[in-house]
Protein backbone atom coordinates (compact mmCIF):
# COMPACT_ATOMS: atom_id res chain seq x y z
CA MET A 1 86.96 54.49 80.29
CA LYS A 2 83.50 55.20 79.08
CA ARG A 3 84.90 58.31 77.40
CA ILE A 4 87.11 56.30 75.14
CA LEU A 5 84.04 54.10 74.02
CA THR A 6 81.88 57.39 73.56
CA ALA A 7 84.72 58.96 71.56
CA MET A 8 85.07 55.91 69.16
CA LEU A 9 81.45 55.78 68.75
CA GLY A 10 81.10 59.39 67.87
CA VAL A 11 80.72 60.64 64.45
CA GLY A 12 83.81 62.68 64.45
CA MET A 13 86.38 59.91 64.01
CA CYS A 14 89.46 60.57 61.90
CA ALA A 15 90.75 58.31 59.20
CA GLY A 16 93.98 57.63 61.15
CA ALA A 17 92.05 55.97 63.87
CA LEU A 18 90.36 53.52 61.47
CA ALA A 19 93.65 51.83 60.47
CA ASP A 20 94.56 51.16 64.09
CA SER A 21 93.46 47.99 66.04
CA GLY A 22 92.50 50.02 69.14
CA SER A 23 94.27 51.35 72.08
CA PRO A 24 94.97 48.94 75.09
CA GLN A 25 92.51 50.74 77.19
CA LEU A 26 89.70 50.58 74.38
CA LYS A 27 90.39 46.81 74.26
CA VAL A 28 90.18 46.32 77.96
CA GLU A 29 87.00 48.13 78.25
CA SER A 30 85.56 46.46 75.26
CA GLN A 31 86.41 42.93 76.75
CA ARG A 32 84.83 44.08 80.06
CA LEU A 33 81.51 44.89 78.34
CA ILE A 34 81.50 41.72 76.26
CA ARG A 35 82.05 39.54 79.39
CA GLU A 36 79.47 41.51 81.40
CA SER A 37 76.93 40.74 78.72
CA GLY A 38 77.47 36.97 79.15
CA HIS A 39 79.65 36.45 75.99
CA GLU A 40 83.17 34.81 75.87
CA CYS A 41 86.22 36.98 75.16
CA ASN A 42 89.51 35.79 76.35
CA ASN A 43 91.63 37.88 74.15
CA VAL A 44 90.73 41.18 72.15
CA GLU A 45 92.56 41.13 68.78
CA GLY A 46 91.11 44.42 67.62
CA VAL A 47 88.47 47.18 67.95
CA TYR A 48 87.31 48.89 64.81
CA PRO A 49 84.48 51.39 64.00
CA ALA A 50 81.78 49.83 62.03
CA ALA A 51 81.08 51.23 58.38
CA PHE A 52 77.52 52.43 59.41
CA GLY A 53 75.40 52.73 62.51
CA GLY A 54 77.86 54.27 64.95
CA SER A 55 79.06 50.98 66.48
CA LEU A 56 82.27 49.18 67.16
CA ILE A 57 83.23 45.76 65.88
CA VAL A 58 85.31 43.81 68.42
CA ILE A 59 87.35 40.73 67.43
CA CYS A 60 87.96 38.32 70.19
CA ASP A 61 90.05 35.04 70.20
CA ASP A 62 90.53 35.30 66.40
CA THR A 63 87.01 33.84 65.71
CA ARG A 64 84.40 35.71 67.61
CA ARG A 65 83.06 39.17 66.59
CA TYR A 66 80.91 41.46 68.52
CA THR A 67 79.22 44.70 68.05
CA ILE A 68 79.13 47.47 70.78
CA LYS A 69 76.51 50.16 70.16
CA SER A 70 75.43 53.10 72.37
CA LYS A 71 71.77 53.05 73.10
CA ASP A 72 69.95 55.51 75.56
CA GLY A 73 73.18 56.21 77.32
CA HIS A 74 74.00 52.40 77.80
CA TYR A 75 76.20 50.18 75.81
CA VAL A 76 74.54 47.23 74.11
CA VAL A 77 76.66 44.23 73.04
CA GLY A 78 75.55 41.89 70.26
CA VAL A 79 77.11 39.01 68.24
CA ALA A 80 78.22 40.53 64.77
CA GLU A 81 77.27 38.58 61.65
């Protein structure tokens, strides 16, 4: 599962992947990371690469937005603005 997040965070993303809301595996792994970080996420609506910074934007429960970034080999979850 970590390979999926690593691939999405990588620089070599193709334009076709940007239009997709994320694979089911990517959504499950993103939800797990968000919950382990102490945030609430009952349903992942979509996972999208951020425009800058090599991170992912995760939309949960239609109202919550989180970022997932790779830092020193670990994933860091934050609340997106």
